[in-house]
Amino acid sequence: MPVLEVNSVLADAAFGSAPERAAAGLPAAPDAAGSWLRAVSLSGIGYYAAARAELRHTRRATTDPALLSLAHSTEASLLRQLGWHNHAAVVDGRAAALALPALAAADPAPAATLAEIRSAEAVCDALTGLAADALGTLRPALAARLLNRCRNYLDVHLVTADTAWRPRVRLHWVSAETALSAPGSGLISAPAPDPAAGDGPVPADPALAHAEAAVVLAENSPSLRHRVKSRLLLAAASAAAGDLDRSRALAVEVDRACAEHELLPLRWACAMLRSGVEPGGDGAAVAAECARLLAARGGRLRSASELLGRP
């Protein structure tokens, strides 16, 4: 769905200005699409068990392949956030298998109807998800190929900003992460400047360039959560580029926004970054407390021993 149209309590909690509203309680979903919005809202504040239950309801309540695909992509994102990239890839694969046939059968033209927009968004969510899964399993070249495929779908089916801000922000996120994971590889190029947006010079560093492009797009979107995550990614890219002062300043700003709007998963990620760029600060303590709260909400982070393949 074109989530730019934030016109309900559920949509505003999922993709609008009040993500913390999910913590206070959301209205019942009127349909499967509303159930998916509830799941997105709950996952944004770290209520993973409740989000999974809502996604199960979404899948039971619809036969629409695009909406089913979006539900699978959301479930995969929960697994990925907790470190289970290999399991997430299986679920993202299901999402792609559901969404791709409908789009492949469509005319090669910009999406015009709600159903076409939803199908194109679902394909892009699945492909960027699979790319992020590939990064988590140390396959940046595969991630880059999947991102190129996603970019092609965007250029053909979702050419205007009012129907494509969310998949384009996500594309910049994972492009930046791919560049960070394989510096100097040439797998990711910096995005071309957008004259209509009045962009200045594009940084030569592709990770910085994509992170900054994500910030610009997110600032013009209705989603506070996307604005916060984009700034977090810019903080990480700045740290990798050696600009620790900028990284620290952005991380403090992100931490404040996460605390205010109860974005617990993003606050954990920000705290992990802060523990690296400012070892004497409270980042490690905040990360540990966030991990404890996430576990209580059904989100157990993958341990270091599990990451190394040990039981």
Protein backbone atom coordinates (compact mmCIF):
# COMPACT_ATOMS: atom_id res chain seq x y z
CA MET A 1 0.00 0.00 0.00
CA PRO A 2 1.22 3.57 -0.54
CA VAL A 3 2.09 4.18 3.09
CA LEU A 4 2.55 7.89 2.40
CA GLU A 5 -1.17 8.10 3.05
CA VAL A 6 -0.99 8.08 6.85
CA ASN A 7 -4.69 8.42 7.49
CA SER A 8 -5.51 6.20 10.45
CA VAL A 9 -4.32 5.43 13.96
CA LEU A 10 -2.80 2.14 12.79
CA ALA A 11 -0.99 3.70 9.84
CA ASP A 12 0.30 6.55 11.98
CA ALA A 13 1.72 4.12 14.52
CA ALA A 14 3.35 2.02 11.79
CA PHE A 15 4.57 4.67 9.38
CA GLY A 16 3.77 8.03 10.89
CA SER A 17 4.67 10.44 13.64
CA ALA A 18 3.63 8.43 16.70
CA PRO A 19 5.27 4.98 16.80
CA GLU A 20 5.04 4.99 20.61
CA ARG A 21 1.24 4.81 20.30
CA ALA A 22 1.58 1.05 19.91
CA ALA A 23 2.79 0.78 23.51
CA ALA A 24 -0.37 2.40 24.83
CA GLY A 25 -2.63 0.07 22.88
CA LEU A 26 -3.90 0.08 19.32
CA PRO A 27 -7.43 -0.29 18.01
CA ALA A 28 -8.49 -3.64 16.61
CA ALA A 29 -7.61 -4.19 12.99
CA PRO A 30 -10.63 -3.90 10.66
CA ASP A 31 -9.04 -6.18 8.06
CA ALA A 32 -5.86 -8.04 7.12
CA ALA A 33 -4.09 -4.87 5.99
CA GLY A 34 -4.83 -3.29 9.36
CA SER A 35 -3.50 -6.38 11.08
CA TRP A 36 -0.24 -6.02 9.16
CA LEU A 37 -0.02 -2.37 10.25
CA ARG A 38 -0.51 -3.48 13.86
CA ALA A 39 2.33 -5.98 13.47
CA VAL A 40 4.65 -3.35 12.01
CA SER A 41 3.79 -0.97 14.85
CA LEU A 42 4.40 -3.57 17.55
CA SER A 43 7.71 -4.67 16.02
CA GLY A 44 8.92 -1.05 15.88
CA ILE A 45 8.77 -0.76 19.66
CA GLY A 46 10.15 -4.26 20.25
CA TYR A 47 7.02 -6.24 21.14
CA TYR A 48 8.16 -9.15 19.03
CA ALA A 49 5.88 -11.86 20.44
CA ALA A 50 2.81 -9.68 19.95
CA ALA A 51 3.98 -8.74 16.44
CA ARG A 52 4.41 -12.40 15.49
CA ALA A 53 0.92 -13.20 16.76
CA GLU A 54 -0.49 -10.33 14.69
CA LEU A 55 1.37 -11.55 11.60
CA ARG A 56 -0.18 -14.99 12.05
CA HIS A 57 -3.58 -13.30 12.11
CA THR A 58 -2.69 -11.35 8.95
CA ARG A 59 -1.80 -14.52 7.10
CA ARG A 60 -5.04 -16.23 8.19
CA ALA A 61 -7.17 -13.24 7.18
CA THR A 62 -6.09 -12.76 3.54
CA THR A 63 -5.32 -14.58 0.31
CA ASP A 64 -3.80 -11.47 -1.32
CA PRO A 65 -0.28 -12.55 -2.38
CA ALA A 66 1.16 -9.04 -2.02
CA LEU A 67 -0.12 -8.62 1.54
CA LEU A 68 0.97 -12.14 2.44
CA SER A 69 4.40 -11.27 1.04
CA LEU A 70 4.58 -8.10 3.15
CA ALA A 71 3.68 -10.15 6.23
CA HIS A 72 6.49 -12.61 5.51
CA SER A 73 8.95 -9.76 4.94
CA THR A 74 7.98 -8.26 8.29
CA GLU A 75 8.48 -11.60 10.03
CA ALA A 76 11.89 -11.93 8.37
CA SER A 77 12.86 -8.46 9.60
CA LEU A 78 12.16 -9.57 13.18
CA LEU A 79 14.48 -12.55 12.76
CA ARG A 80 17.14 -10.38 11.14
CA GLN A 81 17.01 -7.74 13.89
CA LEU A 82 17.72 -10.50 16.42
CA GLY A 83 20.68 -11.86 14.45
CA TRP A 84 19.05 -14.86 12.73
CA HIS A 85 19.87 -13.92 9.14
CA ASN A 86 19.94 -17.49 7.85
CA HIS A 87 16.40 -18.14 9.10
CA ALA A 88 15.27 -14.72 7.83
CA ALA A 89 16.47 -15.60 4.33
CA VAL A 90 14.07 -18.55 4.20
CA VAL A 91 11.13 -16.32 5.14
CA ASP A 92 12.20 -13.55 2.77
CA GLY A 93 12.40 -16.19 0.04
CA ARG A 94 8.75 -17.05 0.70
CA ALA A 95 7.92 -13.35 0.47
CA ALA A 96 9.64 -13.07 -2.91
CA ALA A 97 7.93 -16.22 -4.22
CA LEU A 98 4.54 -14.74 -3.36
CA ALA A 99 5.10 -11.25 -4.78
CA LEU A 100 7.21 -11.76 -7.89
CA PRO A 101 4.73 -13.68 -10.10
CA ALA A 102 2.08 -10.94 -10.00
CA LEU A 103 4.58 -8.23 -10.87
CA ALA A 104 6.19 -10.34 -13.57
CA ALA A 105 2.79 -10.69 -15.21
CA ALA A 106 2.13 -6.95 -15.12
CA ASP A 107 2.91 -4.59 -17.97
CA PRO A 108 6.38 -2.97 -17.73
CA ALA A 109 4.97 0.40 -16.72
CA PRO A 110 4.71 2.51 -13.57
CA ALA A 111 2.29 1.09 -11.00
CA ALA A 112 -0.94 3.06 -11.01
CA THR A 113 -3.52 1.13 -8.98
CA LEU A 114 -3.34 0.37 -5.27
CA ALA A 115 -2.91 -3.33 -6.04
CA GLU A 116 0.00 -2.66 -8.42
CA ILE A 117 1.71 -0.36 -5.92
CA ARG A 118 1.30 -2.94 -3.17
CA SER A 119 2.75 -5.69 -5.39
CA ALA A 120 5.75 -3.56 -6.34
CA GLU A 121 6.39 -2.60 -2.71
CA ALA A 122 6.16 -6.24 -1.67
CA VAL A 123 8.74 -7.28 -4.29
CA CYS A 124 11.11 -4.52 -3.18
CA ASP A 125 10.68 -5.43 0.50
CA ALA A 126 11.51 -9.05 -0.27
CA LEU A 127 14.58 -8.21 -2.35
CA THR A 128 16.04 -5.71 0.12
CA GLY A 129 15.32 -8.19 2.89
CA LEU A 130 17.15 -10.94 1.05
CA ALA A 131 20.07 -8.55 0.45
CA ALA A 132 20.27 -7.75 4.16
CA ASP A 133 20.12 -11.48 4.94
CA ALA A 134 23.01 -12.03 2.54
CA LEU A 135 25.08 -9.45 4.41
CA GLY A 136 24.41 -11.24 7.67
CA THR A 137 25.74 -14.44 6.16
CA LEU A 138 28.84 -12.71 4.76
CA ARG A 139 27.82 -12.58 1.09
CA PRO A 140 28.07 -8.91 0.09
CA ALA A 141 28.34 -9.69 -3.64
CA LEU A 142 24.98 -11.47 -3.52
CA ALA A 143 23.55 -8.53 -1.58
CA ALA A 144 24.72 -6.12 -4.28
CA ARG A 145 23.10 -8.20 -7.04
CA LEU A 146 19.79 -8.30 -5.17
CA LEU A 147 19.93 -4.55 -4.60
CA ASN A 148 20.48 -3.95 -8.32
CA ARG A 149 17.46 -6.09 -9.06
CA CYS A 150 15.39 -4.12 -6.57
CA ARG A 151 16.56 -0.84 -8.11
CA ASN A 152 15.44 -2.06 -11.52
CA TYR A 153 11.95 -2.83 -10.21
CA LEU A 154 11.76 0.60 -8.59
CA ASP A 155 12.85 2.35 -11.77
CA VAL A 156 10.18 0.55 -13.79
CA HIS A 157 7.22 0.21 -11.42
CA LEU A 158 7.61 2.84 -8.67
CA VAL A 159 9.10 5.87 -10.35
CA THR A 160 7.50 8.66 -8.30
CA ALA A 161 8.39 9.66 -4.75
CA ASP A 162 4.80 9.65 -3.53
CA THR A 163 4.50 5.91 -4.18
CA ALA A 164 8.08 4.87 -3.48
CA TRP A 165 9.60 6.68 -0.50
CA ARG A 166 9.65 3.62 1.77
CA PRO A 167 11.24 1.08 -0.63
CA ARG A 168 13.75 3.72 -1.74
CA VAL A 169 14.75 4.52 1.84
CA ARG A 170 15.19 0.80 2.50
CA LEU A 171 17.25 0.44 -0.68
CA HIS A 172 19.60 3.19 0.52
CA TRP A 173 19.84 1.58 3.98
CA VAL A 174 20.95 -1.80 2.67
CA SER A 175 23.16 -0.23 0.00
CA ALA A 176 24.98 1.69 2.75
CA GLU A 177 25.27 -1.46 4.86
CA THR A 178 26.67 -3.39 1.89
CA ALA A 179 29.25 -0.69 1.26
CA LEU A 180 30.20 -0.76 4.95
CA SER A 181 30.55 -4.54 4.92
CA ALA A 182 32.84 -4.59 1.87
CA PRO A 183 34.78 -1.29 1.81
CA GLY A 184 36.75 -0.63 -1.34
CA SER A 185 35.17 -3.56 -3.18
CA GLY A 186 33.31 -1.43 -5.72
CA LEU A 187 30.17 -3.51 -5.19
CA ILE A 188 28.14 -0.39 -4.40
CA SER A 189 28.31 2.93 -6.20
CA ALA A 190 27.23 6.25 -4.73
CA PRO A 191 23.72 7.26 -5.84
CA ALA A 192 23.34 9.91 -8.50
CA PRO A 193 22.33 13.34 -7.16
CA ASP A 194 18.67 14.28 -7.45
CA PRO A 195 18.46 17.75 -9.04
CA ALA A 196 14.79 18.07 -8.06
CA ALA A 197 15.73 17.68 -4.41
CA GLY A 198 18.42 20.32 -4.60
CA ASP A 199 21.10 17.89 -3.47
CA GLY A 200 24.62 19.15 -2.96
CA PRO A 201 27.74 17.20 -3.92
CA VAL A 202 27.44 13.46 -3.34
CA PRO A 203 30.13 12.06 -0.99
CA ALA A 204 32.65 9.85 -2.70
CA ASP A 205 32.24 7.25 0.06
CA PRO A 206 29.27 5.13 -1.12
CA ALA A 207 28.24 4.20 2.44
CA LEU A 208 28.06 7.85 3.44
CA ALA A 209 26.35 8.80 0.18
CA HIS A 210 23.59 6.22 0.57
CA ALA A 211 23.14 7.00 4.27
CA GLU A 212 22.78 10.70 3.52
CA ALA A 213 20.35 9.96 0.67
CA ALA A 214 18.26 7.89 3.08
CA VAL A 215 18.17 10.80 5.54
CA VAL A 216 16.99 13.21 2.83
CA LEU A 217 14.21 10.87 1.69
CA ALA A 218 13.15 10.01 5.23
CA GLU A 219 12.97 13.67 6.25
CA ASN A 220 10.36 14.15 3.54
CA SER A 221 8.37 11.10 4.62
CA PRO A 222 5.69 10.81 7.30
CA SER A 223 7.60 8.14 9.25
CA LEU A 224 9.48 9.21 12.36
CA ARG A 225 10.88 5.68 12.70
CA HIS A 226 12.42 5.85 9.23
CA ARG A 227 13.93 9.25 10.02
CA VAL A 228 15.50 7.92 13.21
CA LYS A 229 16.89 4.75 11.60
CA SER A 230 18.31 6.75 8.69
CA ARG A 231 20.19 9.00 11.11
CA LEU A 232 21.47 5.95 12.97
CA LEU A 233 22.84 4.53 9.74
CA LEU A 234 24.45 7.89 8.95
CA ALA A 235 26.09 7.79 12.39
CA ALA A 236 27.51 4.35 11.61
CA ALA A 237 28.74 5.42 8.17
CA SER A 238 30.32 8.54 9.68
CA ALA A 239 32.16 6.42 12.24
CA ALA A 240 33.46 4.10 9.52
CA ALA A 241 34.66 7.15 7.58
CA GLY A 242 36.62 8.33 10.64
CA ASP A 243 34.34 11.25 11.60
CA LEU A 244 33.78 10.19 15.20
CA ASP A 245 32.57 13.59 16.36
CA ARG A 246 29.74 13.57 13.84
CA SER A 247 28.96 9.96 14.67
CA ARG A 248 28.74 10.67 18.41
CA ALA A 249 26.53 13.72 17.88
CA LEU A 250 24.14 11.80 15.64
CA ALA A 251 24.09 8.84 18.02
CA VAL A 252 23.14 11.07 20.96
CA GLU A 253 20.33 12.57 18.89
CA VAL A 254 19.11 9.11 17.83
CA ASP A 255 19.25 7.77 21.38
CA ARG A 256 17.14 10.68 22.61
CA ALA A 257 14.52 10.13 19.91
CA CYS A 258 14.43 6.38 20.56
CA ALA A 259 13.89 6.91 24.28
CA GLU A 260 11.17 9.50 23.68
CA HIS A 261 9.26 7.39 21.15
CA GLU A 262 9.96 3.95 22.71
CA LEU A 263 11.84 2.61 19.68
CA LEU A 264 13.57 -0.11 21.68
CA PRO A 265 15.15 -2.14 18.83
CA LEU A 266 16.70 1.00 17.35
CA ARG A 267 17.82 2.16 20.78
CA TRP A 268 19.64 -1.15 21.30
CA ALA A 269 21.40 -0.78 17.93
CA CYS A 270 22.29 2.83 18.71
CA ALA A 271 23.66 1.84 22.11
CA MET A 272 25.87 -0.78 20.48
CA LEU A 273 27.25 1.92 18.16
CA ARG A 274 27.74 4.34 21.06
CA SER A 275 29.68 1.71 23.01
CA GLY A 276 32.13 1.59 20.10
CA VAL A 277 32.53 5.29 19.34
CA GLU A 278 32.51 6.37 22.98
CA PRO A 279 33.85 3.49 25.12
CA GLY A 280 33.72 5.52 28.33
CA GLY A 281 30.01 6.30 27.95
CA ASP A 282 26.90 4.40 28.98
CA GLY A 283 26.34 2.69 25.62
CA ALA A 284 27.17 -0.82 26.84
CA ALA A 285 24.90 -0.49 29.87
CA VAL A 286 22.03 0.85 27.77
CA ALA A 287 22.50 -1.95 25.24
CA ALA A 288 22.35 -4.57 27.99
CA GLU A 289 19.16 -3.09 29.44
CA CYS A 290 17.56 -2.88 25.98
CA ALA A 291 18.48 -6.52 25.33
CA ARG A 292 16.86 -7.51 28.64
CA LEU A 293 13.63 -5.69 27.76
CA LEU A 294 13.57 -7.12 24.24
CA ALA A 295 13.94 -10.64 25.61
CA ALA A 296 11.00 -10.02 27.95
CA ARG A 297 8.95 -8.99 24.90
CA GLY A 298 9.80 -12.11 22.92
CA GLY A 299 12.95 -10.90 21.17
CA ARG A 300 15.97 -12.93 22.27
CA LEU A 301 19.10 -11.62 20.58
CA ARG A 302 21.37 -14.23 19.06
CA SER A 303 24.34 -14.85 21.34
CA ALA A 304 28.01 -14.63 20.36
CA SER A 305 28.38 -18.41 20.66
CA GLU A 306 25.38 -18.94 18.38
CA LEU A 307 26.85 -16.52 15.85
CA LEU A 308 29.98 -18.68 15.82
CA GLY A 309 27.90 -21.80 15.22
CA ARG A 310 28.24 -23.24 18.69
CA PRO A 311 25.27 -24.52 20.73
